[in-house]
């Protein structure tokens, strides 16, 4: 809640979108990778570069890992890793 004048205004927290929020076939533009430098570098070598489109593809039974199309390739990522790839 925030105060505006004498009124309290409810402002819901807007969660950042990450790769786990994409539905199958949906695309998003990668904004940043919130992982340690070595992990982020490895993902960038696979094509996960800020400013590039990422499309959600298939998922294993149970939903983990999920496959994403990026830079002409398909890459499987665990949910824990995918949640650190932030979309615009």
PDB file of N, CA and C in Angstrom:
ATOM      1  N   UNK A   1       0.837  -1.181   0.000  1.00  0.00           N
ATOM      2  CA  UNK A   1       0.000   0.000   0.000  1.00  0.00           C
ATOM      3  C   UNK A   1       0.880   1.241   0.000  1.00  0.00           C
ATOM      4  N   UNK A   2       0.422   2.240  -0.700  1.00  0.00           N
ATOM      5  CA  UNK A   2       1.069   3.537  -0.700  1.00  0.00           C
ATOM      6  C   UNK A   2       0.055   4.580  -0.272  1.00  0.00           C
ATOM      7  N   UNK A   3       0.548   5.645   0.348  1.00  0.00           N
ATOM      8  CA  UNK A   3      -0.325   6.752   0.729  1.00  0.00           C
ATOM      9  C   UNK A   3      -0.315   7.797  -0.365  1.00  0.00           C
ATOM     10  N   UNK A   4      -1.471   8.242  -0.759  1.00  0.00           N
ATOM     11  CA  UNK A   4      -1.591   9.337  -1.718  1.00  0.00           C
ATOM     12  C   UNK A   4      -2.570  10.316  -1.094  1.00  0.00           C
ATOM     13  N   UNK A   5      -2.025  11.436  -0.624  1.00  0.00           N
ATOM     14  CA  UNK A   5      -2.868  12.377   0.118  1.00  0.00           C
ATOM     15  C   UNK A   5      -3.311  11.699   1.400  1.00  0.00           C
ATOM     16  N   UNK A   6      -4.602  11.639   1.635  1.00  0.00           N
ATOM     17  CA  UNK A   6      -5.135  10.961   2.814  1.00  0.00           C
ATOM     18  C   UNK A   6      -5.624   9.558   2.487  1.00  0.00           C
ATOM     19  N   UNK A   7      -5.449   9.124   1.227  1.00  0.00           N
ATOM     20  CA  UNK A   7      -5.955   7.823   0.808  1.00  0.00           C
ATOM     21  C   UNK A   7      -4.821   6.810   0.693  1.00  0.00           C
ATOM     22  N   UNK A   8      -5.147   5.578   1.005  1.00  0.00           N
ATOM     23  CA  UNK A   8      -4.206   4.487   0.772  1.00  0.00           C
ATOM     24  C   UNK A   8      -4.531   3.885  -0.585  1.00  0.00           C
ATOM     25  N   UNK A   9      -3.522   3.730  -1.394  1.00  0.00           N
ATOM     26  CA  UNK A   9      -3.710   3.187  -2.741  1.00  0.00           C
ATOM     27  C   UNK A   9      -2.982   1.855  -2.811  1.00  0.00           C
ATOM     28  N   UNK A  10      -3.707   0.816  -3.213  1.00  0.00           N
ATOM     29  CA  UNK A  10      -3.105  -0.509  -3.342  1.00  0.00           C
ATOM     30  C   UNK A  10      -2.403  -0.605  -4.680  1.00  0.00           C
ATOM     31  N   UNK A  11      -1.133  -0.915  -4.654  1.00  0.00           N
ATOM     32  CA  UNK A  11      -0.343  -1.112  -5.866  1.00  0.00           C
ATOM     33  C   UNK A  11       0.207  -2.533  -5.827  1.00  0.00           C
ATOM     34  N   UNK A  12      -0.376  -3.448  -6.605  1.00  0.00           N
ATOM     35  CA  UNK A  12       0.137  -4.819  -6.591  1.00  0.00           C
ATOM     36  C   UNK A  12       1.553  -4.862  -7.135  1.00  0.00           C
ATOM     37  N   UNK A  13       2.361  -5.719  -6.549  1.00  0.00           N
ATOM     38  CA  UNK A  13       3.727  -5.893  -7.017  1.00  0.00           C
ATOM     39  C   UNK A  13       3.690  -6.576  -8.380  1.00  0.00           C
ATOM     40  N   UNK A  14       4.330  -5.970  -9.338  1.00  0.00           N
ATOM     41  CA  UNK A  14       4.370  -6.552 -10.674  1.00  0.00           C
ATOM     42  C   UNK A  14       5.625  -7.404 -10.775  1.00  0.00           C
ATOM     43  N   UNK A  15       5.416  -8.698 -10.861  1.00  0.00           N
ATOM     44  CA  UNK A  15       6.550  -9.622 -10.940  1.00  0.00           C
ATOM     45  C   UNK A  15       7.164  -9.540 -12.331  1.00  0.00           C
ATOM     46  N   UNK A  16       8.463  -9.680 -12.365  1.00  0.00           N
ATOM     47  CA  UNK A  16       9.147  -9.699 -13.651  1.00  0.00           C
ATOM     48  C   UNK A  16       8.785 -10.979 -14.386  1.00  0.00           C
ATOM     49  N   UNK A  17       8.648 -10.875 -15.692  1.00  0.00           N
ATOM     50  CA  UNK A  17       8.381 -12.059 -16.507  1.00  0.00           C
ATOM     51  C   UNK A  17       9.700 -12.750 -16.792  1.00  0.00           C
ATOM     52  N   UNK A  18       9.686 -14.058 -16.708  1.00  0.00           N
ATOM     53  CA  UNK A  18      10.869 -14.836 -17.044  1.00  0.00           C
ATOM     54  C   UNK A  18      10.449 -15.961 -17.990  1.00  0.00           C
ATOM     55  N   UNK A  19      11.397 -16.770 -18.402  1.00  0.00           N
ATOM     56  CA  UNK A  19      11.090 -17.812 -19.387  1.00  0.00           C
ATOM     57  C   UNK A  19      10.020 -18.786 -18.915  1.00  0.00           C
ATOM     58  N   UNK A  20       9.890 -19.001 -17.621  1.00  0.00           N
ATOM     59  CA  UNK A  20       8.891 -19.953 -17.127  1.00  0.00           C
ATOM     60  C   UNK A  20       7.467 -19.453 -17.344  1.00  0.00           C
ATOM     61  N   UNK A  21       7.285 -18.156 -17.606  1.00  0.00           N
ATOM     62  CA  UNK A  21       5.940 -17.609 -17.808  1.00  0.00           C
ATOM     63  C   UNK A  21       5.448 -17.787 -19.237  1.00  0.00           C
ATOM     64  N   UNK A  22       6.342 -18.158 -20.164  1.00  0.00           N
ATOM     65  CA  UNK A  22       5.944 -18.351 -21.557  1.00  0.00           C
ATOM     66  C   UNK A  22       5.173 -19.654 -21.710  1.00  0.00           C
ATOM     67  N   UNK A  23       4.063 -19.581 -22.434  1.00  0.00           N
ATOM     68  CA  UNK A  23       3.303 -20.781 -22.763  1.00  0.00           C
ATOM     69  C   UNK A  23       3.876 -21.372 -24.046  1.00  0.00           C
ATOM     70  N   UNK A  24       3.567 -22.619 -24.306  1.00  0.00           N
ATOM     71  CA  UNK A  24       4.080 -23.290 -25.497  1.00  0.00           C
ATOM     72  C   UNK A  24       3.729 -22.485 -26.755  1.00  0.00           C
ATOM     73  N   UNK A  25       4.746 -22.202 -27.574  1.00  0.00           N
ATOM     74  CA  UNK A  25       4.569 -21.444 -28.803  1.00  0.00           C
ATOM     75  C   UNK A  25       4.664 -19.940 -28.630  1.00  0.00           C
ATOM     76  N   UNK A  26       4.669 -19.465 -27.384  1.00  0.00           N
ATOM     77  CA  UNK A  26       4.742 -18.032 -27.103  1.00  0.00           C
ATOM     78  C   UNK A  26       6.203 -17.577 -27.111  1.00  0.00           C
ATOM     79  N   UNK A  27       6.427 -16.346 -27.573  1.00  0.00           N
ATOM     80  CA  UNK A  27       7.782 -15.794 -27.636  1.00  0.00           C
ATOM     81  C   UNK A  27       7.915 -14.578 -26.735  1.00  0.00           C
ATOM     82  N   UNK A  28       9.145 -14.293 -26.374  1.00  0.00           N
ATOM     83  CA  UNK A  28       9.463 -13.095 -25.614  1.00  0.00           C
ATOM     84  C   UNK A  28      10.871 -12.665 -25.957  1.00  0.00           C
ATOM     85  N   UNK A  29      11.201 -11.425 -25.628  1.00  0.00           N
ATOM     86  CA  UNK A  29      12.534 -10.897 -25.879  1.00  0.00           C
ATOM     87  C   UNK A  29      13.318 -10.910 -24.576  1.00  0.00           C
ATOM     88  N   UNK A  30      14.486 -11.521 -24.617  1.00  0.00           N
ATOM     89  CA  UNK A  30      15.318 -11.625 -23.420  1.00  0.00           C
ATOM     90  C   UNK A  30      15.878 -10.257 -23.049  1.00  0.00           C
ATOM     91  N   UNK A  31      15.727  -9.883 -21.798  1.00  0.00           N
ATOM     92  CA  UNK A  31      16.248  -8.607 -21.293  1.00  0.00           C
ATOM     93  C   UNK A  31      17.596  -8.805 -20.610  1.00  0.00           C
ATOM     94  N   UNK A  32      17.661  -9.808 -19.724  1.00  0.00           N
ATOM     95  CA  UNK A  32      18.925 -10.043 -18.989  1.00  0.00           C
ATOM     96  C   UNK A  32      18.923 -11.440 -18.381  1.00  0.00           C
ATOM     97  N   UNK A  33      20.114 -11.850 -17.952  1.00  0.00           N
ATOM     98  CA  UNK A  33      20.282 -13.144 -17.292  1.00  0.00           C
ATOM     99  C   UNK A  33      20.777 -12.865 -15.880  1.00  0.00           C
ATOM    100  N   UNK A  34      19.981 -13.226 -14.888  1.00  0.00           N
ATOM    101  CA  UNK A  34      20.337 -12.999 -13.484  1.00  0.00           C
ATOM    102  C   UNK A  34      20.973 -14.244 -12.881  1.00  0.00           C
ATOM    103  N   UNK A  35      22.158 -14.573 -13.360  1.00  0.00           N
ATOM    104  CA  UNK A  35      22.921 -15.721 -12.876  1.00  0.00           C
ATOM    105  C   UNK A  35      24.382 -15.310 -12.732  1.00  0.00           C
ATOM    106  N   UNK A  36      25.168 -16.093 -11.992  1.00  0.00           N
ATOM    107  CA  UNK A  36      26.603 -15.799 -11.910  1.00  0.00           C
ATOM    108  C   UNK A  36      27.233 -15.737 -13.307  1.00  0.00           C
ATOM    109  N   UNK A  37      28.295 -14.977 -13.428  1.00  0.00           N
ATOM    110  CA  UNK A  37      28.925 -14.708 -14.719  1.00  0.00           C
ATOM    111  C   UNK A  37      29.228 -15.963 -15.537  1.00  0.00           C
ATOM    112  N   UNK A  38      29.780 -16.988 -14.917  1.00  0.00           N
ATOM    113  CA  UNK A  38      30.121 -18.209 -15.659  1.00  0.00           C
ATOM    114  C   UNK A  38      28.879 -18.887 -16.231  1.00  0.00           C
ATOM    115  N   UNK A  39      27.813 -18.962 -15.438  1.00  0.00           N
ATOM    116  CA  UNK A  39      26.565 -19.573 -15.898  1.00  0.00           C
ATOM    117  C   UNK A  39      25.942 -18.736 -17.014  1.00  0.00           C
ATOM    118  N   UNK A  40      25.929 -17.411 -16.831  1.00  0.00           N
ATOM    119  CA  UNK A  40      25.362 -16.522 -17.843  1.00  0.00           C
ATOM    120  C   UNK A  40      26.156 -16.621 -19.148  1.00  0.00           C
ATOM    121  N   UNK A  41      27.465 -16.685 -19.050  1.00  0.00           N
ATOM    122  CA  UNK A  41      28.301 -16.792 -20.250  1.00  0.00           C
ATOM    123  C   UNK A  41      27.981 -18.068 -21.018  1.00  0.00           C
ATOM    124  N   UNK A  42      27.810 -19.169 -20.321  1.00  0.00           N
ATOM    125  CA  UNK A  42      27.492 -20.448 -20.974  1.00  0.00           C
ATOM    126  C   UNK A  42      26.148 -20.359 -21.709  1.00  0.00           C
ATOM    127  N   UNK A  43      25.146 -19.742 -21.081  1.00  0.00           N
ATOM    128  CA  UNK A  43      23.853 -19.578 -21.727  1.00  0.00           C
ATOM    129  C   UNK A  43      23.956 -18.667 -22.953  1.00  0.00           C
ATOM    130  N   UNK A  44      24.775 -17.624 -22.857  1.00  0.00           N
ATOM    131  CA  UNK A  44      24.957 -16.738 -23.998  1.00  0.00           C
ATOM    132  C   UNK A  44      25.647 -17.462 -25.147  1.00  0.00           C
ATOM    133  N   UNK A  45      26.556 -18.371 -24.834  1.00  0.00           N
ATOM    134  CA  UNK A  45      27.203 -19.174 -25.880  1.00  0.00           C
ATOM    135  C   UNK A  45      26.189 -20.061 -26.597  1.00  0.00           C
ATOM    136  N   UNK A  46      25.113 -20.434 -25.917  1.00  0.00           N
ATOM    137  CA  UNK A  46      24.058 -21.258 -26.516  1.00  0.00           C
ATOM    138  C   UNK A  46      23.037 -20.417 -27.277  1.00  0.00           C
ATOM    139  N   UNK A  47      23.168 -19.082 -27.233  1.00  0.00           N
ATOM    140  CA  UNK A  47      22.271 -18.214 -27.991  1.00  0.00           C
ATOM    141  C   UNK A  47      21.339 -17.352 -27.170  1.00  0.00           C
ATOM    142  N   UNK A  48      21.339 -17.505 -25.861  1.00  0.00           N
ATOM    143  CA  UNK A  48      20.468 -16.690 -25.005  1.00  0.00           C
ATOM    144  C   UNK A  48      21.135 -15.330 -24.791  1.00  0.00           C
ATOM    145  N   UNK A  49      20.917 -14.436 -25.753  1.00  0.00           N
ATOM    146  CA  UNK A  49      21.533 -13.115 -25.715  1.00  0.00           C
ATOM    147  C   UNK A  49      20.468 -12.051 -25.494  1.00  0.00           C
ATOM    148  N   UNK A  50      20.744 -11.075 -24.624  1.00  0.00           N
ATOM    149  CA  UNK A  50      19.786  -9.987 -24.422  1.00  0.00           C
ATOM    150  C   UNK A  50      19.422  -9.338 -25.758  1.00  0.00           C
ATOM    151  N   UNK A  51      18.132  -9.083 -25.937  1.00  0.00           N
ATOM    152  CA  UNK A  51      17.630  -8.484 -27.165  1.00  0.00           C
ATOM    153  C   UNK A  51      17.153  -9.496 -28.185  1.00  0.00           C
ATOM    154  N   UNK A  52      17.458 -10.778 -27.988  1.00  0.00           N
ATOM    155  CA  UNK A  52      17.034 -11.819 -28.919  1.00  0.00           C
ATOM    156  C   UNK A  52      15.737 -12.474 -28.470  1.00  0.00           C
ATOM    157  N   UNK A  53      14.980 -12.967 -29.451  1.00  0.00           N
ATOM    158  CA  UNK A  53      13.710 -13.631 -29.175  1.00  0.00           C
ATOM    159  C   UNK A  53      13.943 -15.055 -28.681  1.00  0.00           C
ATOM    160  N   UNK A  54      13.118 -15.475 -27.740  1.00  0.00           N
ATOM    161  CA  UNK A  54      13.125 -16.836 -27.211  1.00  0.00           C
ATOM    162  C   UNK A  54      11.692 -17.349 -27.302  1.00  0.00           C
ATOM    163  N   UNK A  55      11.521 -18.559 -27.837  1.00  0.00           N
ATOM    164  CA  UNK A  55      10.197 -19.158 -27.984  1.00  0.00           C
ATOM    165  C   UNK A  55      10.121 -20.430 -27.154  1.00  0.00           C
ATOM    166  N   UNK A  56       9.052 -20.568 -26.399  1.00  0.00           N
ATOM    167  CA  UNK A  56       8.840 -21.777 -25.612  1.00  0.00           C
ATOM    168  C   UNK A  56       8.371 -22.889 -26.542  1.00  0.00           C
ATOM    169  N   UNK A  57       8.973 -24.061 -26.415  1.00  0.00           N
ATOM    170  CA  UNK A  57       8.612 -25.194 -27.261  1.00  0.00           C
ATOM    171  C   UNK A  57       8.027 -26.297 -26.386  1.00  0.00           C
ATOM    172  N   UNK A  58       8.603 -27.465 -26.428  1.00  0.00           N
ATOM    173  CA  UNK A  58       8.090 -28.633 -25.699  1.00  0.00           C
ATOM    174  C   UNK A  58       8.563 -28.654 -24.251  1.00  0.00           C
ATOM    175  N   UNK A  59       7.969 -29.562 -23.498  1.00  0.00           N
ATOM    176  CA  UNK A  59       8.386 -29.782 -22.117  1.00  0.00           C
ATOM    177  C   UNK A  59       8.360 -31.272 -21.847  1.00  0.00           C
ATOM    178  N   UNK A  60       9.211 -31.707 -20.946  1.00  0.00           N
ATOM    179  CA  UNK A  60       9.215 -33.105 -20.527  1.00  0.00           C
ATOM    180  C   UNK A  60       7.953 -33.374 -19.704  1.00  0.00           C
ATOM    181  N   UNK A  61       7.572 -34.632 -19.569  1.00  0.00           N
ATOM    182  CA  UNK A  61       6.429 -34.939 -18.698  1.00  0.00           C
ATOM    183  C   UNK A  61       6.669 -34.342 -17.305  1.00  0.00           C
ATOM    184  N   UNK A  62       5.684 -33.684 -16.788  1.00  0.00           N
ATOM    185  CA  UNK A  62       5.842 -33.007 -15.506  1.00  0.00           C
ATOM    186  C   UNK A  62       6.323 -31.575 -15.668  1.00  0.00           C
ATOM    187  N   UNK A  63       6.696 -31.189 -16.898  1.00  0.00           N
ATOM    188  CA  UNK A  63       7.048 -29.800 -17.173  1.00  0.00           C
ATOM    189  C   UNK A  63       8.490 -29.395 -16.942  1.00  0.00           C
ATOM    190  N   UNK A  64       9.361 -30.307 -16.558  1.00  0.00           N
ATOM    191  CA  UNK A  64      10.744 -29.927 -16.279  1.00  0.00           C
ATOM    192  C   UNK A  64      11.681 -31.018 -16.768  1.00  0.00           C
ATOM    193  N   UNK A  65      12.621 -30.753 -17.646  1.00  0.00           N
ATOM    194  CA  UNK A  65      12.974 -29.447 -18.212  1.00  0.00           C
ATOM    195  C   UNK A  65      12.046 -29.052 -19.347  1.00  0.00           C
ATOM    196  N   UNK A  66      12.188 -27.790 -19.766  1.00  0.00           N
ATOM    197  CA  UNK A  66      11.436 -27.254 -20.897  1.00  0.00           C
ATOM    198  C   UNK A  66      12.401 -26.933 -22.020  1.00  0.00           C
ATOM    199  N   UNK A  67      11.889 -27.015 -23.233  1.00  0.00           N
ATOM    200  CA  UNK A  67      12.698 -26.721 -24.413  1.00  0.00           C
ATOM    201  C   UNK A  67      12.343 -25.327 -24.913  1.00  0.00           C
ATOM    202  N   UNK A  68      13.382 -24.553 -25.243  1.00  0.00           N
ATOM    203  CA  UNK A  68      13.207 -23.208 -25.783  1.00  0.00           C
ATOM    204  C   UNK A  68      13.945 -23.108 -27.100  1.00  0.00           C
ATOM    205  N   UNK A  69      13.331 -22.413 -28.068  1.00  0.00           N
ATOM    206  CA  UNK A  69      13.979 -22.159 -29.353  1.00  0.00           C
ATOM    207  C   UNK A  69      14.648 -20.792 -29.281  1.00  0.00           C
ATOM    208  N   UNK A  70      15.934 -20.785 -29.600  1.00  0.00           N
ATOM    209  CA  UNK A  70      16.692 -19.545 -29.571  1.00  0.00           C
ATOM    210  C   UNK A  70      17.804 -19.634 -30.603  1.00  0.00           C
ATOM    211  N   UNK A  71      17.958 -18.602 -31.381  1.00  0.00           N
ATOM    212  CA  UNK A  71      19.052 -18.502 -32.349  1.00  0.00           C
ATOM    213  C   UNK A  71      19.159 -19.730 -33.256  1.00  0.00           C
ATOM    214  N   UNK A  72      18.004 -20.262 -33.679  1.00  0.00           N
ATOM    215  CA  UNK A  72      17.991 -21.395 -34.596  1.00  0.00           C
ATOM    216  C   UNK A  72      18.224 -22.751 -33.961  1.00  0.00           C
ATOM    217  N   UNK A  73      18.306 -22.802 -32.652  1.00  0.00           N
ATOM    218  CA  UNK A  73      18.531 -24.065 -31.937  1.00  0.00           C
ATOM    219  C   UNK A  73      17.426 -24.300 -30.919  1.00  0.00           C
ATOM    220  N   UNK A  74      17.321 -25.544 -30.474  1.00  0.00           N
ATOM    221  CA  UNK A  74      16.436 -25.871 -29.366  1.00  0.00           C
ATOM    222  C   UNK A  74      17.289 -26.272 -28.172  1.00  0.00           C
ATOM    223  N   UNK A  75      17.027 -25.648 -27.039  1.00  0.00           N
ATOM    224  CA  UNK A  75      17.817 -25.869 -25.826  1.00  0.00           C
ATOM    225  C   UNK A  75      16.876 -26.202 -24.677  1.00  0.00           C
ATOM    226  N   UNK A  76      17.185 -27.278 -23.946  1.00  0.00           N
ATOM    227  CA  UNK A  76      16.391 -27.656 -22.777  1.00  0.00           C
ATOM    228  C   UNK A  76      17.000 -27.005 -21.536  1.00  0.00           C
ATOM    229  N   UNK A  77      16.145 -26.361 -20.754  1.00  0.00           N
ATOM    230  CA  UNK A  77      16.573 -25.733 -19.504  1.00  0.00           C
ATOM    231  C   UNK A  77      15.677 -26.198 -18.366  1.00  0.00           C
ATOM    232  N   UNK A  78      16.268 -26.411 -17.225  1.00  0.00           N
ATOM    233  CA  UNK A  78      15.481 -26.701 -16.028  1.00  0.00           C
ATOM    234  C   UNK A  78      14.745 -25.442 -15.593  1.00  0.00           C
ATOM    235  N   UNK A  79      13.627 -25.630 -14.949  1.00  0.00           N
ATOM    236  CA  UNK A  79      12.810 -24.509 -14.480  1.00  0.00           C
ATOM    237  C   UNK A  79      13.629 -23.561 -13.596  1.00  0.00           C
ATOM    238  N   UNK A  80      14.458 -24.107 -12.739  1.00  0.00           N
ATOM    239  CA  UNK A  80      15.272 -23.276 -11.835  1.00  0.00           C
ATOM    240  C   UNK A  80      16.192 -22.337 -12.610  1.00  0.00           C
ATOM    241  N   UNK A  81      16.740 -22.802 -13.722  1.00  0.00           N
ATOM    242  CA  UNK A  81      17.594 -21.947 -14.554  1.00  0.00           C
ATOM    243  C   UNK A  81      16.745 -20.968 -15.351  1.00  0.00           C
ATOM    244  N   UNK A  82      15.662 -21.444 -15.956  1.00  0.00           N
ATOM    245  CA  UNK A  82      14.811 -20.608 -16.811  1.00  0.00           C
ATOM    246  C   UNK A  82      14.222 -19.425 -16.050  1.00  0.00           C
ATOM    247  N   UNK A  83      13.991 -19.563 -14.760  1.00  0.00           N
ATOM    248  CA  UNK A  83      13.392 -18.455 -14.005  1.00  0.00           C
ATOM    249  C   UNK A  83      14.362 -17.288 -13.832  1.00  0.00           C
ATOM    250  N   UNK A  84      15.655 -17.502 -14.131  1.00  0.00           N
ATOM    251  CA  UNK A  84      16.652 -16.426 -14.016  1.00  0.00           C
ATOM    252  C   UNK A  84      16.900 -15.709 -15.341  1.00  0.00           C
ATOM    253  N   UNK A  85      16.187 -16.098 -16.393  1.00  0.00           N
ATOM    254  CA  UNK A  85      16.278 -15.421 -17.682  1.00  0.00           C
ATOM    255  C   UNK A  85      15.069 -14.501 -17.788  1.00  0.00           C
ATOM    256  N   UNK A  86      15.313 -13.211 -17.644  1.00  0.00           N
ATOM    257  CA  UNK A  86      14.255 -12.211 -17.511  1.00  0.00           C
ATOM    258  C   UNK A  86      13.897 -11.627 -18.869  1.00  0.00           C
ATOM    259  N   UNK A  87      12.589 -11.517 -19.121  1.00  0.00           N
ATOM    260  CA  UNK A  87      12.073 -10.983 -20.381  1.00  0.00           C
ATOM    261  C   UNK A  87      11.730  -9.506 -20.250  1.00  0.00           C
ATOM    262  N   UNK A  88      11.687  -8.832 -21.391  1.00  0.00           N
ATOM    263  CA  UNK A  88      11.257  -7.407 -21.418  1.00  0.00           C
ATOM    264  C   UNK A  88       9.760  -7.328 -21.283  1.00  0.00           C
TER     265      UNK A  88
END
